[in-house]
Amino acid sequence: MNEIVYKILAFIVGLLLGTIFFGGLWFTVRKLVTSKIPALLFLGSFILRVSITLIGFYYISSGSWQRLLICVAGFIIARYTVIHFTKSNKEKQVLLQKEVSHET
């Protein structure tokens, strides 16, 4: 029973790590335009995001490849979730119009 709890926890941590990584990437890209030193902001953000993600993967896996795989699945699902929530309304309308035009 404990293994099931650990796998659920691994999935939730994967979602959290993915949200931090891809949400941080989205935030960084938005701030690059107004930054005085964009290269430093990008490099610092990249190192921080990758470090948090790799440390999270390391601790959640605890030597179990199944938990690591479940965590990565949560990470990938978080990617699509962040993409969905960070799209502008205009982009969503364009995609919807393309889908409607393909149906006719």
Protein backbone atom coordinates (compact mmCIF):
# COMPACT_ATOMS: atom_id res chain seq x y z
CA MET A 1 0.00 0.00 0.00
CA ASN A 2 2.84 2.39 0.74
CA GLU A 3 4.20 2.00 -2.78
CA ILE A 4 0.92 3.26 -4.24
CA VAL A 5 1.10 6.34 -2.01
CA TYR A 6 4.68 6.96 -3.13
CA LYS A 7 3.67 6.69 -6.79
CA ILE A 8 0.81 9.15 -6.31
CA LEU A 9 3.21 11.47 -4.51
CA ALA A 10 5.70 11.09 -7.38
CA PHE A 11 3.03 12.13 -9.88
CA ILE A 12 2.02 15.17 -7.81
CA VAL A 13 5.67 16.21 -7.39
CA GLY A 14 6.14 15.80 -11.16
CA LEU A 15 3.21 18.14 -11.75
CA LEU A 16 4.71 20.63 -9.30
CA LEU A 17 8.19 20.44 -10.83
CA GLY A 18 6.77 20.86 -14.33
CA THR A 19 4.74 23.86 -13.25
CA ILE A 20 7.79 25.46 -11.65
CA PHE A 21 10.00 24.72 -14.66
CA PHE A 22 7.66 25.77 -17.47
CA GLY A 23 5.98 28.54 -15.51
CA GLY A 24 9.43 29.89 -14.71
CA LEU A 25 10.37 29.68 -18.38
CA TRP A 26 7.24 31.60 -19.36
CA PHE A 27 7.96 34.23 -16.70
CA THR A 28 11.59 34.54 -17.82
CA VAL A 29 10.69 35.01 -21.47
CA ARG A 30 8.20 37.75 -20.57
CA LYS A 31 10.81 39.56 -18.46
CA LEU A 32 13.62 39.29 -21.04
CA VAL A 33 12.15 42.15 -23.07
CA THR A 34 12.49 44.68 -20.25
CA SER A 35 15.68 43.33 -18.68
CA LYS A 36 18.88 45.37 -18.81
CA ILE A 37 20.99 42.18 -18.88
CA PRO A 38 18.83 39.57 -20.62
CA ALA A 39 21.61 37.00 -21.03
CA LEU A 40 22.24 36.93 -17.28
CA LEU A 41 18.53 36.64 -16.54
CA PHE A 42 18.14 33.78 -19.01
CA LEU A 43 21.22 31.90 -17.79
CA GLY A 44 20.35 32.37 -14.12
CA SER A 45 16.77 31.27 -14.68
CA PHE A 46 17.90 28.24 -16.66
CA ILE A 47 20.37 27.10 -13.99
CA LEU A 48 17.81 27.61 -11.22
CA ARG A 49 14.99 25.80 -13.05
CA VAL A 50 17.16 22.85 -14.10
CA SER A 51 18.68 22.54 -10.62
CA ILE A 52 15.29 22.47 -8.90
CA THR A 53 13.98 19.95 -11.42
CA LEU A 54 16.94 17.58 -11.24
CA ILE A 55 17.09 17.67 -7.44
CA GLY A 56 13.35 16.98 -7.32
CA PHE A 57 13.68 14.03 -9.72
CA TYR A 58 16.60 12.66 -7.71
CA TYR A 59 14.84 12.77 -4.36
CA ILE A 60 11.45 11.57 -5.55
CA SER A 61 12.88 8.58 -7.42
CA SER A 62 14.91 7.25 -4.45
CA GLY A 63 16.39 4.60 -6.73
CA SER A 64 13.03 3.49 -8.17
CA TRP A 65 12.78 3.84 -11.93
CA GLN A 66 8.98 3.45 -11.73
CA ARG A 67 8.61 6.51 -9.49
CA LEU A 68 10.99 8.45 -11.73
CA LEU A 69 8.92 7.54 -14.79
CA ILE A 70 5.68 8.56 -13.05
CA CYS A 71 7.28 11.84 -11.96
CA VAL A 72 8.40 12.56 -15.53
CA ALA A 73 4.86 11.83 -16.75
CA GLY A 74 3.53 14.43 -14.31
CA PHE A 75 6.23 16.83 -15.49
CA ILE A 76 5.15 16.42 -19.13
CA ILE A 77 1.46 16.83 -18.28
CA ALA A 78 2.34 20.05 -16.42
CA ARG A 79 4.02 21.31 -19.60
CA TYR A 80 0.79 21.07 -21.57
CA THR A 81 -1.18 22.56 -18.70
CA VAL A 82 1.11 25.59 -18.45
CA ILE A 83 0.99 26.06 -22.24
CA HIS A 84 -2.81 25.97 -22.13
CA PHE A 85 -3.09 28.54 -19.34
CA THR A 86 -0.44 30.93 -20.69
CA LYS A 87 -1.79 31.24 -24.23
CA SER A 88 -3.34 34.60 -24.97
CA ASN A 89 -7.03 34.82 -25.81
CA LYS A 90 -6.17 35.90 -29.34
CA GLU A 91 -4.14 32.73 -29.95
CA LYS A 92 -6.99 30.61 -28.59
CA GLN A 93 -9.47 32.31 -30.94
CA VAL A 94 -7.21 31.73 -33.96
CA LEU A 95 -6.89 28.04 -33.09
CA LEU A 96 -10.64 27.74 -32.63
CA GLN A 97 -11.28 29.41 -36.03
CA LYS A 98 -8.86 26.98 -37.70
CA GLU A 99 -10.65 24.02 -36.15
CA VAL A 100 -14.05 25.31 -37.27
CA SER A 101 -12.82 25.94 -40.83
CA HIS A 102 -11.47 22.37 -41.06
CA GLU A 103 -14.82 20.93 -40.09
CA THR A 104 -16.68 22.54 -43.01
